[in-house]
Amino acid sequence: MARIKRAQIRKKRVKKLFKRSKGFFMSRNNTLRQANEAVMKARMNAYTGRKQKKRQYRSMWIARINAACRPLEISYSQFMHGLNLAGIEINRKMLSEIAIHDADAFAKLVEQAKAAIAAK
């Protein structure tokens, strides 16, 4: 029977684990079992965070569009409905950027949305 030698592989794996847990608090960065649990949880939270970031950006864009719509006497939902009726397809990210940097162009979009709602 051949002898199985795992020392190098284990050292490499443990070294990689401790590299990932660098900066963690107390024994979570230098004890094998606790570091492993901490790294697994950190990676799980990172995965979740990447998904949540997309939701948070979308809600921020919607809040910006709504804030730009209110002075022009239209709500966000009515504005989006009017854009759909007018056949204007601009995503929320671009609408948010237009609302921030080019108020005149945004006002024209609002007018087109209002006209489409009135024509319905």
N, C-alpha and C. Protein backbone atom coordinates (compact mmCIF):
# COMPACT_ATOMS: atom_id res chain seq x y z
N MET A 1 0.84 -1.19 0.00
CA MET A 1 0.00 0.00 0.00
C MET A 1 0.88 1.25 0.00
N ALA A 2 0.59 2.19 -0.85
CA ALA A 2 1.37 3.42 -0.92
C ALA A 2 1.03 4.35 0.24
N ARG A 3 2.03 5.10 0.66
CA ARG A 3 1.83 6.04 1.75
C ARG A 3 1.31 7.36 1.19
N ILE A 4 0.27 7.90 1.80
CA ILE A 4 -0.33 9.15 1.34
C ILE A 4 0.25 10.29 2.16
N LYS A 5 0.84 11.25 1.49
CA LYS A 5 1.46 12.38 2.18
C LYS A 5 0.66 13.64 1.83
N ARG A 6 0.10 14.29 2.83
CA ARG A 6 -0.78 15.43 2.60
C ARG A 6 -0.25 16.74 3.18
N ALA A 7 0.92 16.72 3.74
CA ALA A 7 1.38 17.89 4.48
C ALA A 7 1.42 19.14 3.61
N GLN A 8 1.99 19.03 2.41
CA GLN A 8 2.11 20.21 1.56
C GLN A 8 0.74 20.75 1.14
N ILE A 9 -0.17 19.87 0.79
CA ILE A 9 -1.51 20.27 0.37
C ILE A 9 -2.24 20.95 1.53
N ARG A 10 -2.11 20.35 2.72
CA ARG A 10 -2.78 20.92 3.89
C ARG A 10 -2.22 22.29 4.23
N LYS A 11 -0.88 22.41 4.19
CA LYS A 11 -0.26 23.72 4.48
C LYS A 11 -0.75 24.78 3.51
N LYS A 12 -0.82 24.40 2.24
CA LYS A 12 -1.28 25.34 1.22
C LYS A 12 -2.73 25.77 1.48
N ARG A 13 -3.57 24.80 1.82
CA ARG A 13 -4.99 25.10 2.06
C ARG A 13 -5.16 25.98 3.29
N VAL A 14 -4.43 25.67 4.36
CA VAL A 14 -4.54 26.45 5.61
C VAL A 14 -4.00 27.85 5.40
N LYS A 15 -2.89 27.95 4.66
CA LYS A 15 -2.30 29.26 4.38
C LYS A 15 -3.28 30.14 3.60
N LYS A 16 -3.95 29.54 2.63
CA LYS A 16 -4.94 30.27 1.83
C LYS A 16 -6.13 30.71 2.70
N LEU A 17 -6.53 29.83 3.61
CA LEU A 17 -7.63 30.16 4.52
C LEU A 17 -7.27 31.35 5.41
N PHE A 18 -6.05 31.32 5.99
CA PHE A 18 -5.64 32.41 6.87
C PHE A 18 -5.43 33.71 6.09
N LYS A 19 -5.05 33.60 4.85
CA LYS A 19 -4.93 34.80 4.01
C LYS A 19 -6.30 35.45 3.81
N ARG A 20 -7.32 34.60 3.62
CA ARG A 20 -8.68 35.12 3.45
C ARG A 20 -9.24 35.70 4.73
N SER A 21 -8.81 35.18 5.88
CA SER A 21 -9.37 35.65 7.17
C SER A 21 -8.54 36.77 7.78
N LYS A 22 -7.58 37.30 7.03
CA LYS A 22 -6.73 38.38 7.54
C LYS A 22 -7.59 39.60 7.86
N GLY A 23 -7.39 40.15 9.05
CA GLY A 23 -8.13 41.32 9.47
C GLY A 23 -9.37 41.01 10.28
N PHE A 24 -9.72 39.73 10.42
CA PHE A 24 -10.87 39.36 11.23
C PHE A 24 -10.52 39.52 12.70
N PHE A 25 -11.52 39.62 13.54
CA PHE A 25 -11.35 39.96 14.95
C PHE A 25 -10.98 38.74 15.80
N MET A 26 -10.06 38.93 16.69
CA MET A 26 -9.60 37.95 17.68
C MET A 26 -9.21 36.63 17.04
N SER A 27 -9.73 35.53 17.55
CA SER A 27 -9.27 34.22 17.07
C SER A 27 -9.89 33.84 15.74
N ARG A 28 -10.72 34.69 15.18
CA ARG A 28 -11.34 34.37 13.89
C ARG A 28 -10.35 34.52 12.74
N ASN A 29 -9.17 35.06 13.04
CA ASN A 29 -8.17 35.18 11.97
C ASN A 29 -6.98 34.25 12.14
N ASN A 30 -6.87 33.55 13.28
CA ASN A 30 -5.68 32.72 13.45
C ASN A 30 -5.95 31.34 14.05
N THR A 31 -7.21 30.98 14.26
CA THR A 31 -7.56 29.64 14.71
C THR A 31 -8.27 28.95 13.55
N LEU A 32 -7.81 27.76 13.25
CA LEU A 32 -8.26 27.10 12.03
C LEU A 32 -9.78 26.96 11.96
N ARG A 33 -10.40 26.41 12.98
CA ARG A 33 -11.84 26.14 12.94
C ARG A 33 -12.64 27.45 12.87
N GLN A 34 -12.29 28.39 13.72
CA GLN A 34 -13.04 29.65 13.74
C GLN A 34 -12.79 30.47 12.48
N ALA A 35 -11.57 30.43 11.97
CA ALA A 35 -11.27 31.14 10.73
C ALA A 35 -12.07 30.56 9.58
N ASN A 36 -12.17 29.24 9.53
CA ASN A 36 -12.92 28.59 8.46
C ASN A 36 -14.39 29.00 8.50
N GLU A 37 -14.98 28.99 9.69
CA GLU A 37 -16.39 29.41 9.83
C GLU A 37 -16.56 30.87 9.44
N ALA A 38 -15.61 31.71 9.89
CA ALA A 38 -15.70 33.13 9.60
C ALA A 38 -15.59 33.40 8.09
N VAL A 39 -14.68 32.69 7.43
CA VAL A 39 -14.50 32.89 5.99
C VAL A 39 -15.73 32.40 5.23
N MET A 40 -16.29 31.26 5.64
CA MET A 40 -17.49 30.76 4.96
C MET A 40 -18.64 31.76 5.10
N LYS A 41 -18.80 32.30 6.29
CA LYS A 41 -19.88 33.27 6.51
C LYS A 41 -19.61 34.56 5.73
N ALA A 42 -18.36 34.99 5.71
CA ALA A 42 -18.01 36.22 4.98
C ALA A 42 -18.27 36.06 3.49
N ARG A 43 -17.94 34.89 2.95
CA ARG A 43 -18.19 34.66 1.52
C ARG A 43 -19.67 34.60 1.22
N MET A 44 -20.45 34.03 2.14
CA MET A 44 -21.90 33.98 1.98
C MET A 44 -22.49 35.40 2.00
N ASN A 45 -22.00 36.22 2.93
CA ASN A 45 -22.49 37.60 3.01
C ASN A 45 -22.07 38.40 1.79
N ALA A 46 -20.89 38.13 1.26
CA ALA A 46 -20.43 38.83 0.06
C ALA A 46 -21.32 38.50 -1.13
N TYR A 47 -21.69 37.23 -1.25
CA TYR A 47 -22.57 36.81 -2.33
C TYR A 47 -23.92 37.51 -2.20
N THR A 48 -24.47 37.51 -0.98
CA THR A 48 -25.76 38.16 -0.74
C THR A 48 -25.66 39.65 -1.03
N GLY A 49 -24.55 40.26 -0.62
CA GLY A 49 -24.36 41.69 -0.83
C GLY A 49 -24.31 42.08 -2.29
N ARG A 50 -23.72 41.22 -3.11
CA ARG A 50 -23.68 41.51 -4.55
C ARG A 50 -25.07 41.52 -5.15
N LYS A 51 -25.95 40.67 -4.63
CA LYS A 51 -27.33 40.66 -5.12
C LYS A 51 -28.11 41.88 -4.61
N GLN A 52 -27.87 42.24 -3.34
CA GLN A 52 -28.60 43.36 -2.74
C GLN A 52 -28.18 44.69 -3.36
N LYS A 53 -26.92 44.78 -3.79
CA LYS A 53 -26.43 46.03 -4.37
C LYS A 53 -27.25 46.44 -5.58
N LYS A 54 -27.63 45.46 -6.39
CA LYS A 54 -28.43 45.75 -7.58
C LYS A 54 -29.80 46.30 -7.20
N ARG A 55 -30.41 45.72 -6.15
CA ARG A 55 -31.71 46.21 -5.67
C ARG A 55 -31.60 47.63 -5.13
N GLN A 56 -30.52 47.89 -4.38
CA GLN A 56 -30.35 49.20 -3.76
C GLN A 56 -30.14 50.28 -4.80
N TYR A 57 -29.37 49.97 -5.86
CA TYR A 57 -29.18 50.95 -6.91
C TYR A 57 -30.50 51.26 -7.61
N ARG A 58 -31.29 50.23 -7.90
CA ARG A 58 -32.57 50.46 -8.58
C ARG A 58 -33.48 51.34 -7.73
N SER A 59 -33.55 51.08 -6.42
CA SER A 59 -34.41 51.90 -5.56
C SER A 59 -33.88 53.33 -5.47
N MET A 60 -32.55 53.51 -5.51
CA MET A 60 -31.97 54.86 -5.50
C MET A 60 -32.35 55.61 -6.78
N TRP A 61 -32.26 54.91 -7.94
CA TRP A 61 -32.64 55.56 -9.20
C TRP A 61 -34.10 55.97 -9.17
N ILE A 62 -34.96 55.12 -8.65
CA ILE A 62 -36.39 55.43 -8.58
C ILE A 62 -36.62 56.63 -7.68
N ALA A 63 -35.92 56.68 -6.54
CA ALA A 63 -36.08 57.82 -5.63
C ALA A 63 -35.63 59.12 -6.29
N ARG A 64 -34.56 59.06 -7.06
CA ARG A 64 -34.07 60.26 -7.76
C ARG A 64 -35.07 60.73 -8.81
N ILE A 65 -35.60 59.78 -9.57
CA ILE A 65 -36.57 60.13 -10.62
C ILE A 65 -37.82 60.74 -9.98
N ASN A 66 -38.28 60.13 -8.90
CA ASN A 66 -39.46 60.63 -8.20
C ASN A 66 -39.21 62.04 -7.68
N ALA A 67 -38.02 62.27 -7.11
CA ALA A 67 -37.69 63.60 -6.59
C ALA A 67 -37.65 64.64 -7.70
N ALA A 68 -37.23 64.24 -8.89
CA ALA A 68 -37.19 65.18 -10.02
C ALA A 68 -38.58 65.39 -10.60
N CYS A 69 -39.46 64.39 -10.48
CA CYS A 69 -40.81 64.49 -11.05
C CYS A 69 -41.72 65.38 -10.21
N ARG A 70 -41.58 65.33 -8.90
CA ARG A 70 -42.51 66.05 -8.01
C ARG A 70 -42.62 67.54 -8.30
N PRO A 71 -41.53 68.27 -8.49
CA PRO A 71 -41.70 69.71 -8.81
C PRO A 71 -42.40 69.96 -10.14
N LEU A 72 -42.38 68.97 -11.04
CA LEU A 72 -43.04 69.11 -12.34
C LEU A 72 -44.48 68.59 -12.30
N GLU A 73 -44.99 68.37 -11.08
CA GLU A 73 -46.39 68.02 -10.82
C GLU A 73 -46.81 66.71 -11.47
N ILE A 74 -45.99 65.69 -11.29
CA ILE A 74 -46.34 64.35 -11.74
C ILE A 74 -45.66 63.36 -10.79
N SER A 75 -46.32 62.24 -10.54
CA SER A 75 -45.72 61.23 -9.67
C SER A 75 -44.84 60.30 -10.50
N TYR A 76 -44.01 59.55 -9.82
CA TYR A 76 -43.11 58.62 -10.50
C TYR A 76 -43.91 57.60 -11.32
N SER A 77 -44.94 57.03 -10.71
CA SER A 77 -45.69 55.97 -11.39
C SER A 77 -46.41 56.52 -12.62
N GLN A 78 -46.98 57.71 -12.51
CA GLN A 78 -47.63 58.33 -13.66
C GLN A 78 -46.62 58.65 -14.76
N PHE A 79 -45.45 59.11 -14.35
CA PHE A 79 -44.38 59.43 -15.30
C PHE A 79 -43.96 58.19 -16.09
N MET A 80 -43.73 57.09 -15.37
CA MET A 80 -43.31 55.86 -16.04
C MET A 80 -44.43 55.33 -16.95
N HIS A 81 -45.66 55.44 -16.49
CA HIS A 81 -46.80 55.02 -17.30
C HIS A 81 -46.88 55.86 -18.58
N GLY A 82 -46.69 57.16 -18.44
CA GLY A 82 -46.72 58.05 -19.59
C GLY A 82 -45.60 57.75 -20.58
N LEU A 83 -44.42 57.44 -20.07
CA LEU A 83 -43.31 57.08 -20.95
C LEU A 83 -43.62 55.81 -21.73
N ASN A 84 -44.22 54.83 -21.05
CA ASN A 84 -44.59 53.59 -21.74
C ASN A 84 -45.62 53.85 -22.82
N LEU A 85 -46.62 54.69 -22.51
CA LEU A 85 -47.64 55.02 -23.51
C LEU A 85 -47.03 55.77 -24.69
N ALA A 86 -46.05 56.64 -24.42
CA ALA A 86 -45.41 57.42 -25.48
C ALA A 86 -44.42 56.57 -26.29
N GLY A 87 -44.11 55.39 -25.81
CA GLY A 87 -43.18 54.52 -26.52
C GLY A 87 -41.72 54.88 -26.30
N ILE A 88 -41.45 55.58 -25.21
CA ILE A 88 -40.07 55.97 -24.89
C ILE A 88 -39.49 54.92 -23.96
N GLU A 89 -38.42 54.28 -24.42
CA GLU A 89 -37.80 53.23 -23.61
C GLU A 89 -36.42 53.69 -23.14
N ILE A 90 -36.37 54.26 -21.94
CA ILE A 90 -35.11 54.65 -21.30
C ILE A 90 -35.09 53.97 -19.95
N ASN A 91 -33.97 53.34 -19.62
CA ASN A 91 -33.93 52.65 -18.33
C ASN A 91 -33.82 53.65 -17.18
N ARG A 92 -34.07 53.18 -15.98
CA ARG A 92 -34.13 54.05 -14.82
C ARG A 92 -32.80 54.69 -14.48
N LYS A 93 -31.72 53.97 -14.77
CA LYS A 93 -30.39 54.53 -14.50
C LYS A 93 -30.17 55.79 -15.34
N MET A 94 -30.49 55.71 -16.62
CA MET A 94 -30.30 56.85 -17.51
C MET A 94 -31.27 57.99 -17.17
N LEU A 95 -32.51 57.63 -16.83
CA LEU A 95 -33.47 58.66 -16.42
C LEU A 95 -32.96 59.41 -15.20
N SER A 96 -32.38 58.67 -14.26
CA SER A 96 -31.84 59.28 -13.05
C SER A 96 -30.69 60.23 -13.39
N GLU A 97 -29.80 59.82 -14.29
CA GLU A 97 -28.69 60.67 -14.70
C GLU A 97 -29.20 61.92 -15.42
N ILE A 98 -30.20 61.75 -16.28
CA ILE A 98 -30.78 62.91 -16.98
C ILE A 98 -31.41 63.87 -15.97
N ALA A 99 -32.11 63.32 -14.99
CA ALA A 99 -32.77 64.15 -13.98
C ALA A 99 -31.76 64.97 -13.19
N ILE A 100 -30.60 64.39 -12.93
CA ILE A 100 -29.58 65.10 -12.14
C ILE A 100 -28.84 66.14 -12.97
N HIS A 101 -28.40 65.75 -14.18
CA HIS A 101 -27.48 66.58 -14.94
C HIS A 101 -28.12 67.46 -16.01
N ASP A 102 -29.33 67.12 -16.47
CA ASP A 102 -29.95 67.89 -17.55
C ASP A 102 -31.44 68.06 -17.25
N ALA A 103 -31.76 69.06 -16.46
CA ALA A 103 -33.14 69.26 -16.01
C ALA A 103 -34.07 69.62 -17.17
N ASP A 104 -33.56 70.33 -18.18
CA ASP A 104 -34.39 70.72 -19.32
C ASP A 104 -34.84 69.50 -20.12
N ALA A 105 -33.91 68.60 -20.37
CA ALA A 105 -34.26 67.38 -21.12
C ALA A 105 -35.25 66.53 -20.32
N PHE A 106 -35.07 66.50 -19.00
CA PHE A 106 -35.99 65.73 -18.17
C PHE A 106 -37.38 66.35 -18.21
N ALA A 107 -37.45 67.69 -18.19
CA ALA A 107 -38.74 68.38 -18.27
C ALA A 107 -39.45 68.06 -19.59
N LYS A 108 -38.68 67.94 -20.67
CA LYS A 108 -39.27 67.59 -21.97
C LYS A 108 -39.83 66.16 -21.95
N LEU A 109 -39.09 65.26 -21.28
CA LEU A 109 -39.59 63.89 -21.14
C LEU A 109 -40.89 63.87 -20.34
N VAL A 110 -40.95 64.69 -19.29
CA VAL A 110 -42.17 64.76 -18.47
C VAL A 110 -43.33 65.27 -19.31
N GLU A 111 -43.06 66.28 -20.13
CA GLU A 111 -44.12 66.83 -20.99
C GLU A 111 -44.63 65.78 -21.98
N GLN A 112 -43.72 65.00 -22.54
CA GLN A 112 -44.14 63.94 -23.45
C GLN A 112 -44.96 62.88 -22.73
N ALA A 113 -44.57 62.55 -21.51
CA ALA A 113 -45.32 61.57 -20.72
C ALA A 113 -46.72 62.10 -20.40
N LYS A 114 -46.80 63.37 -20.02
CA LYS A 114 -48.11 63.99 -19.71
C LYS A 114 -49.00 64.00 -20.95
N ALA A 115 -48.41 64.33 -22.11
CA ALA A 115 -49.17 64.38 -23.36
C ALA A 115 -49.69 62.98 -23.73
N ALA A 116 -48.88 61.97 -23.51
CA ALA A 116 -49.31 60.61 -23.82
C ALA A 116 -50.44 60.16 -22.91
N ILE A 117 -50.39 60.58 -21.64
CA ILE A 117 -51.48 60.23 -20.70
C ILE A 117 -52.75 60.96 -21.10
N ALA A 118 -52.63 62.24 -21.47
CA ALA A 118 -53.80 63.04 -21.85
C ALA A 118 -54.44 62.50 -23.15
N ALA A 119 -53.60 62.01 -24.06
CA ALA A 119 -54.13 61.52 -25.33
C ALA A 119 -54.81 60.16 -25.20
N LYS A 120 -54.53 59.47 -24.13
CA LYS A 120 -55.09 58.13 -23.92
C LYS A 120 -56.59 58.15 -23.76
